Amino acid sequence: MKKIFSKVRTYLDEVATEMRKASWPQRRELISHTVITLVASFVLALFIFGADRVISYVLDIVYPG
């Protein structure tokens, strides 16, 4: 059991070391990437909504009732 805790501790120490080496974005860069992600998600959602509406319309024509 002691060996497991030792391995977990070693793993967490290595993770902490690697996290300190990481290059973190500046606030401005983080905000711009967040805005780009939100806009892209919204555009994709609109595309999927439009495609769903078109497919529903076509299926209503093919299978009336």
C-alpha atoms as a PDB file:
ATOM      1  CA  MET A   1       0.000   0.000   0.000  1.00  0.00           C
ATOM      2  CA  LYS A   2       2.860   2.350   0.827  1.00  0.00           C
ATOM      3  CA  LYS A   3       4.317   1.720  -2.644  1.00  0.00           C
ATOM      4  CA  ILE A   4       1.069   2.893  -4.312  1.00  0.00           C
ATOM      5  CA  PHE A   5       1.083   6.180  -2.360  1.00  0.00           C
ATOM      6  CA  SER A   6       4.730   6.657  -3.286  1.00  0.00           C
ATOM      7  CA  LYS A   7       3.949   6.203  -6.983  1.00  0.00           C
ATOM      8  CA  VAL A   8       0.977   8.572  -6.783  1.00  0.00           C
ATOM      9  CA  ARG A   9       3.128  11.170  -5.023  1.00  0.00           C
ATOM     10  CA  THR A  10       5.863  10.817  -7.667  1.00  0.00           C
ATOM     11  CA  TYR A  11       3.293  11.163 -10.443  1.00  0.00           C
ATOM     12  CA  LEU A  12       1.785  14.314  -8.909  1.00  0.00           C
ATOM     13  CA  ASP A  13       5.251  15.827  -8.429  1.00  0.00           C
ATOM     14  CA  GLU A  14       6.051  15.180 -12.098  1.00  0.00           C
ATOM     15  CA  VAL A  15       2.741  16.698 -13.166  1.00  0.00           C
ATOM     16  CA  ALA A  16       3.451  19.822 -11.103  1.00  0.00           C
ATOM     17  CA  THR A  17       6.932  20.093 -12.658  1.00  0.00           C
ATOM     18  CA  GLU A  18       5.534  19.834 -16.196  1.00  0.00           C
ATOM     19  CA  MET A  19       2.778  22.356 -15.445  1.00  0.00           C
ATOM     20  CA  ARG A  20       5.414  24.904 -14.411  1.00  0.00           C
ATOM     21  CA  LYS A  21       7.151  24.374 -17.775  1.00  0.00           C
ATOM     22  CA  ALA A  22       3.929  24.989 -19.733  1.00  0.00           C
ATOM     23  CA  SER A  23       3.460  28.180 -21.669  1.00  0.00           C
ATOM     24  CA  TRP A  24       0.288  29.817 -20.375  1.00  0.00           C
ATOM     25  CA  PRO A  25      -1.568  32.362 -22.546  1.00  0.00           C
ATOM     26  CA  GLN A  26      -1.822  35.990 -21.591  1.00  0.00           C
ATOM     27  CA  ARG A  27      -5.248  37.331 -20.556  1.00  0.00           C
ATOM     28  CA  ARG A  28      -5.825  39.090 -23.896  1.00  0.00           C
ATOM     29  CA  GLU A  29      -4.930  35.963 -25.888  1.00  0.00           C
ATOM     30  CA  LEU A  30      -7.166  33.798 -23.691  1.00  0.00           C
ATOM     31  CA  ILE A  31     -10.138  36.143 -24.178  1.00  0.00           C
ATOM     32  CA  SER A  32      -9.673  36.296 -27.958  1.00  0.00           C
ATOM     33  CA  HIS A  33      -9.450  32.498 -28.230  1.00  0.00           C
ATOM     34  CA  THR A  34     -12.543  32.146 -26.054  1.00  0.00           C
ATOM     35  CA  VAL A  35     -14.486  34.559 -28.279  1.00  0.00           C
ATOM     36  CA  ILE A  36     -13.367  32.705 -31.408  1.00  0.00           C
ATOM     37  CA  THR A  37     -14.472  29.400 -29.868  1.00  0.00           C
ATOM     38  CA  LEU A  38     -17.881  30.782 -28.875  1.00  0.00           C
ATOM     39  CA  VAL A  39     -18.489  32.325 -32.306  1.00  0.00           C
ATOM     40  CA  ALA A  40     -17.430  29.143 -34.096  1.00  0.00           C
ATOM     41  CA  SER A  41     -19.703  27.073 -31.836  1.00  0.00           C
ATOM     42  CA  PHE A  42     -22.630  29.410 -32.536  1.00  0.00           C
ATOM     43  CA  VAL A  43     -22.044  29.258 -36.308  1.00  0.00           C
ATOM     44  CA  LEU A  44     -21.830  25.469 -36.194  1.00  0.00           C
ATOM     45  CA  ALA A  45     -25.037  25.306 -34.141  1.00  0.00           C
ATOM     46  CA  LEU A  46     -26.805  27.501 -36.705  1.00  0.00           C
ATOM     47  CA  PHE A  47     -25.567  25.265 -39.522  1.00  0.00           C
ATOM     48  CA  ILE A  48     -26.800  22.128 -37.765  1.00  0.00           C
ATOM     49  CA  PHE A  49     -30.147  23.806 -37.029  1.00  0.00           C
ATOM     50  CA  GLY A  50     -30.509  24.824 -40.690  1.00  0.00           C
ATOM     51  CA  ALA A  51     -29.549  21.370 -41.932  1.00  0.00           C
ATOM     52  CA  ASP A  52     -32.077  19.804 -39.550  1.00  0.00           C
ATOM     53  CA  ARG A  53     -34.830  22.124 -40.784  1.00  0.00           C
ATOM     54  CA  VAL A  54     -34.038  21.322 -44.446  1.00  0.00           C
ATOM     55  CA  ILE A  55     -33.948  17.578 -43.801  1.00  0.00           C
ATOM     56  CA  SER A  56     -37.231  17.776 -41.868  1.00  0.00           C
ATOM     57  CA  TYR A  57     -38.841  19.712 -44.719  1.00  0.00           C
ATOM     58  CA  VAL A  58     -37.646  17.187 -47.317  1.00  0.00           C
ATOM     59  CA  LEU A  59     -38.836  14.255 -45.211  1.00  0.00           C
ATOM     60  CA  ASP A  60     -42.260  15.921 -44.797  1.00  0.00           C
ATOM     61  CA  ILE A  61     -42.501  16.096 -48.589  1.00  0.00           C
ATOM     62  CA  VAL A  62     -41.335  12.493 -49.072  1.00  0.00           C
ATOM     63  CA  TYR A  63     -43.483  11.088 -46.254  1.00  0.00           C
ATOM     64  CA  PRO A  64     -46.605  13.297 -46.015  1.00  0.00           C
ATOM     65  CA  GLY A  65     -48.975  12.942 -43.111  1.00  0.00           C
END
